[in-house]
Amino acid sequence: MEAKAIKVGNRLAFIVPEPIAEKCGIFENTSVDISLRDDEIVVRPQRKKYILSELLAEITPDNIHKEVGSGEPVGQEML
């Protein structure tokens, strides 16, 4: 698909066709990483960086799961 660069302030921008954006997981307000590979522009959705303390803070008595058993030890687990 062809797209044209447009001037937005003192920068250039282009419109990503919706089917391509959706296939790449890019939606409105998605942060992207833009890099240069040889003479090509590479645009990728930025992956969320998880912080353990933030994840643990979301555990509540209402959403914590019960213990899960996996049976008796069968090898050297007890050593």
N, C-alpha and C. Protein backbone atom coordinates (compact mmCIF):
# COMPACT_ATOMS: atom_id res chain seq x y z
N MET A 1 0.84 -1.18 0.00
CA MET A 1 0.00 0.00 0.00
C MET A 1 0.88 1.24 0.00
N GLU A 2 0.43 2.22 -0.66
CA GLU A 2 1.18 3.47 -0.74
C GLU A 2 0.60 4.48 0.24
N ALA A 3 1.47 5.25 0.86
CA ALA A 3 1.05 6.33 1.74
C ALA A 3 1.96 7.51 1.48
N LYS A 4 1.48 8.70 1.73
CA LYS A 4 2.29 9.90 1.54
C LYS A 4 2.59 10.52 2.89
N ALA A 5 3.82 11.02 3.01
CA ALA A 5 4.19 11.73 4.23
C ALA A 5 3.53 13.10 4.21
N ILE A 6 3.04 13.52 5.37
CA ILE A 6 2.43 14.84 5.50
C ILE A 6 3.17 15.62 6.57
N LYS A 7 3.14 16.91 6.47
CA LYS A 7 3.82 17.78 7.44
C LYS A 7 2.87 18.02 8.61
N VAL A 8 3.35 17.77 9.83
CA VAL A 8 2.60 18.03 11.06
C VAL A 8 3.53 18.86 11.94
N GLY A 9 3.31 20.16 11.98
CA GLY A 9 4.25 21.03 12.68
C GLY A 9 5.56 21.01 11.93
N ASN A 10 6.64 20.70 12.64
CA ASN A 10 7.94 20.61 11.97
C ASN A 10 8.39 19.17 11.78
N ARG A 11 7.44 18.25 11.78
CA ARG A 11 7.73 16.82 11.63
C ARG A 11 6.95 16.24 10.46
N LEU A 12 7.32 15.04 10.07
CA LEU A 12 6.59 14.32 9.05
C LEU A 12 5.78 13.20 9.69
N ALA A 13 4.64 12.89 9.12
CA ALA A 13 3.79 11.81 9.62
C ALA A 13 3.18 11.09 8.42
N PHE A 14 2.71 9.88 8.65
CA PHE A 14 1.96 9.17 7.61
C PHE A 14 0.87 8.36 8.27
N ILE A 15 -0.14 8.04 7.49
CA ILE A 15 -1.29 7.29 7.98
C ILE A 15 -1.03 5.81 7.74
N VAL A 16 -1.19 5.01 8.78
CA VAL A 16 -1.03 3.56 8.65
C VAL A 16 -2.42 2.98 8.35
N PRO A 17 -2.57 2.28 7.24
CA PRO A 17 -3.87 1.69 6.92
C PRO A 17 -4.33 0.76 8.06
N GLU A 18 -5.61 0.81 8.37
CA GLU A 18 -6.17 0.08 9.50
C GLU A 18 -5.86 -1.42 9.49
N PRO A 19 -5.99 -2.12 8.35
CA PRO A 19 -5.69 -3.56 8.37
C PRO A 19 -4.24 -3.85 8.78
N ILE A 20 -3.31 -3.01 8.33
CA ILE A 20 -1.91 -3.21 8.70
C ILE A 20 -1.70 -2.91 10.18
N ALA A 21 -2.28 -1.81 10.65
CA ALA A 21 -2.14 -1.45 12.06
C ALA A 21 -2.69 -2.54 12.97
N GLU A 22 -3.87 -3.05 12.65
CA GLU A 22 -4.49 -4.09 13.48
C GLU A 22 -3.65 -5.36 13.48
N LYS A 23 -3.13 -5.73 12.32
CA LYS A 23 -2.32 -6.95 12.23
C LYS A 23 -1.06 -6.82 13.10
N CYS A 24 -0.54 -5.61 13.22
CA CYS A 24 0.67 -5.36 14.01
C CYS A 24 0.36 -5.07 15.48
N GLY A 25 -0.92 -4.99 15.83
CA GLY A 25 -1.29 -4.69 17.21
C GLY A 25 -1.14 -3.22 17.56
N ILE A 26 -1.30 -2.35 16.58
CA ILE A 26 -1.22 -0.91 16.81
C ILE A 26 -2.61 -0.32 16.72
N PHE A 27 -3.04 0.32 17.80
CA PHE A 27 -4.35 0.95 17.87
C PHE A 27 -4.16 2.38 18.34
N GLU A 28 -5.22 3.12 18.46
CA GLU A 28 -5.13 4.51 18.91
C GLU A 28 -4.40 4.58 20.25
N ASN A 29 -3.47 5.49 20.36
CA ASN A 29 -2.65 5.74 21.56
C ASN A 29 -1.63 4.64 21.86
N THR A 30 -1.41 3.70 20.94
CA THR A 30 -0.36 2.71 21.13
C THR A 30 0.99 3.39 20.98
N SER A 31 1.89 3.19 21.92
CA SER A 31 3.25 3.69 21.78
C SER A 31 4.00 2.79 20.82
N VAL A 32 4.79 3.40 19.95
CA VAL A 32 5.56 2.62 18.99
C VAL A 32 7.04 2.96 19.10
N ASP A 33 7.86 2.02 18.69
CA ASP A 33 9.30 2.21 18.62
C ASP A 33 9.63 2.40 17.14
N ILE A 34 10.30 3.49 16.82
CA ILE A 34 10.68 3.77 15.44
C ILE A 34 12.19 3.70 15.35
N SER A 35 12.69 2.88 14.43
CA SER A 35 14.15 2.74 14.28
C SER A 35 14.50 2.72 12.79
N LEU A 36 15.78 2.80 12.54
CA LEU A 36 16.28 2.81 11.17
C LEU A 36 17.11 1.55 10.96
N ARG A 37 16.79 0.79 9.92
CA ARG A 37 17.55 -0.41 9.55
C ARG A 37 18.01 -0.21 8.11
N ASP A 38 19.31 0.00 7.97
CA ASP A 38 19.88 0.38 6.67
C ASP A 38 19.16 1.64 6.19
N ASP A 39 18.42 1.56 5.09
CA ASP A 39 17.71 2.74 4.60
C ASP A 39 16.19 2.58 4.76
N GLU A 40 15.77 1.73 5.70
CA GLU A 40 14.33 1.49 5.94
C GLU A 40 13.92 1.98 7.32
N ILE A 41 12.72 2.51 7.39
CA ILE A 41 12.13 2.89 8.68
C ILE A 41 11.36 1.69 9.21
N VAL A 42 11.63 1.30 10.45
CA VAL A 42 10.96 0.16 11.07
C VAL A 42 10.09 0.69 12.21
N VAL A 43 8.80 0.38 12.18
CA VAL A 43 7.86 0.82 13.22
C VAL A 43 7.31 -0.42 13.88
N ARG A 44 7.47 -0.51 15.21
CA ARG A 44 6.96 -1.67 15.97
C ARG A 44 6.20 -1.17 17.19
N PRO A 45 5.14 -1.88 17.57
CA PRO A 45 4.47 -1.50 18.83
C PRO A 45 5.44 -1.70 19.98
N GLN A 46 5.45 -0.76 20.90
CA GLN A 46 6.33 -0.89 22.06
C GLN A 46 5.71 -1.89 23.02
N ARG A 47 6.51 -2.81 23.46
CA ARG A 47 6.03 -3.82 24.41
C ARG A 47 6.02 -3.23 25.81
N LYS A 48 4.98 -3.53 26.54
CA LYS A 48 4.86 -3.03 27.91
C LYS A 48 5.94 -3.66 28.77
N LYS A 49 6.58 -2.85 29.56
CA LYS A 49 7.56 -3.35 30.51
C LYS A 49 6.86 -3.52 31.85
N TYR A 50 6.84 -4.76 32.32
CA TYR A 50 6.15 -5.06 33.56
C TYR A 50 7.08 -4.84 34.75
N ILE A 51 6.53 -4.29 35.81
CA ILE A 51 7.27 -4.06 37.05
C ILE A 51 6.63 -4.95 38.11
N LEU A 52 7.44 -5.83 38.69
CA LEU A 52 6.92 -6.83 39.62
C LEU A 52 6.10 -6.19 40.74
N SER A 53 6.58 -5.13 41.34
CA SER A 53 5.86 -4.51 42.46
C SER A 53 4.48 -4.02 42.03
N GLU A 54 4.35 -3.52 40.78
CA GLU A 54 3.04 -3.07 40.29
C GLU A 54 2.12 -4.27 40.07
N LEU A 55 2.66 -5.36 39.55
CA LEU A 55 1.84 -6.56 39.34
C LEU A 55 1.36 -7.12 40.68
N LEU A 56 2.26 -7.20 41.65
CA LEU A 56 1.90 -7.74 42.96
C LEU A 56 0.89 -6.86 43.67
N ALA A 57 0.95 -5.55 43.45
CA ALA A 57 0.02 -4.62 44.10
C ALA A 57 -1.42 -4.86 43.65
N GLU A 58 -1.59 -5.51 42.50
CA GLU A 58 -2.94 -5.76 41.99
C GLU A 58 -3.55 -7.05 42.53
N ILE A 59 -2.80 -7.81 43.31
CA ILE A 59 -3.34 -9.03 43.91
C ILE A 59 -4.17 -8.65 45.12
N THR A 60 -5.39 -9.14 45.16
CA THR A 60 -6.29 -8.88 46.29
C THR A 60 -6.84 -10.21 46.78
N PRO A 61 -7.42 -10.21 47.97
CA PRO A 61 -8.05 -11.45 48.45
C PRO A 61 -9.14 -11.96 47.50
N ASP A 62 -9.75 -11.06 46.72
CA ASP A 62 -10.81 -11.47 45.81
C ASP A 62 -10.30 -12.13 44.53
N ASN A 63 -9.06 -11.81 44.10
CA ASN A 63 -8.60 -12.37 42.84
C ASN A 63 -7.43 -13.35 42.97
N ILE A 64 -7.01 -13.63 44.19
CA ILE A 64 -5.92 -14.58 44.37
C ILE A 64 -6.46 -16.01 44.25
N HIS A 65 -5.70 -16.87 43.62
CA HIS A 65 -6.18 -18.25 43.44
C HIS A 65 -5.72 -19.11 44.62
N LYS A 66 -6.37 -20.22 44.77
CA LYS A 66 -6.02 -21.16 45.83
C LYS A 66 -4.78 -21.95 45.42
N GLU A 67 -4.19 -22.66 46.38
CA GLU A 67 -3.02 -23.49 46.08
C GLU A 67 -3.38 -24.55 45.05
N VAL A 68 -2.41 -24.92 44.25
CA VAL A 68 -2.62 -25.94 43.23
C VAL A 68 -1.67 -27.08 43.54
N GLY A 69 -2.21 -28.28 43.69
CA GLY A 69 -1.39 -29.45 43.97
C GLY A 69 -0.96 -30.12 42.68
N SER A 70 0.21 -30.74 42.73
CA SER A 70 0.67 -31.47 41.55
C SER A 70 1.01 -32.92 41.91
N GLY A 71 0.53 -33.37 43.06
CA GLY A 71 0.74 -34.75 43.44
C GLY A 71 1.98 -34.91 44.33
N GLU A 72 2.29 -36.15 44.60
CA GLU A 72 3.44 -36.50 45.45
C GLU A 72 4.74 -36.32 44.68
N PRO A 73 5.86 -36.06 45.39
CA PRO A 73 7.15 -35.99 44.71
C PRO A 73 7.46 -37.32 44.01
N VAL A 74 8.01 -37.24 42.82
CA VAL A 74 8.32 -38.46 42.06
C VAL A 74 9.79 -38.57 41.71
N GLY A 75 10.57 -37.57 42.02
CA GLY A 75 11.99 -37.59 41.69
C GLY A 75 12.80 -37.08 42.87
N GLN A 76 13.69 -36.20 42.60
CA GLN A 76 14.58 -35.68 43.65
C GLN A 76 14.15 -34.29 44.11
N GLU A 77 12.84 -33.99 44.03
CA GLU A 77 12.35 -32.68 44.44
C GLU A 77 12.65 -32.37 45.89
N MET A 78 12.70 -33.39 46.73
CA MET A 78 12.85 -33.18 48.17
C MET A 78 14.30 -32.94 48.58
N LEU A 79 15.28 -33.09 47.70
CA LEU A 79 16.70 -32.94 48.06
C LEU A 79 17.07 -31.51 48.21
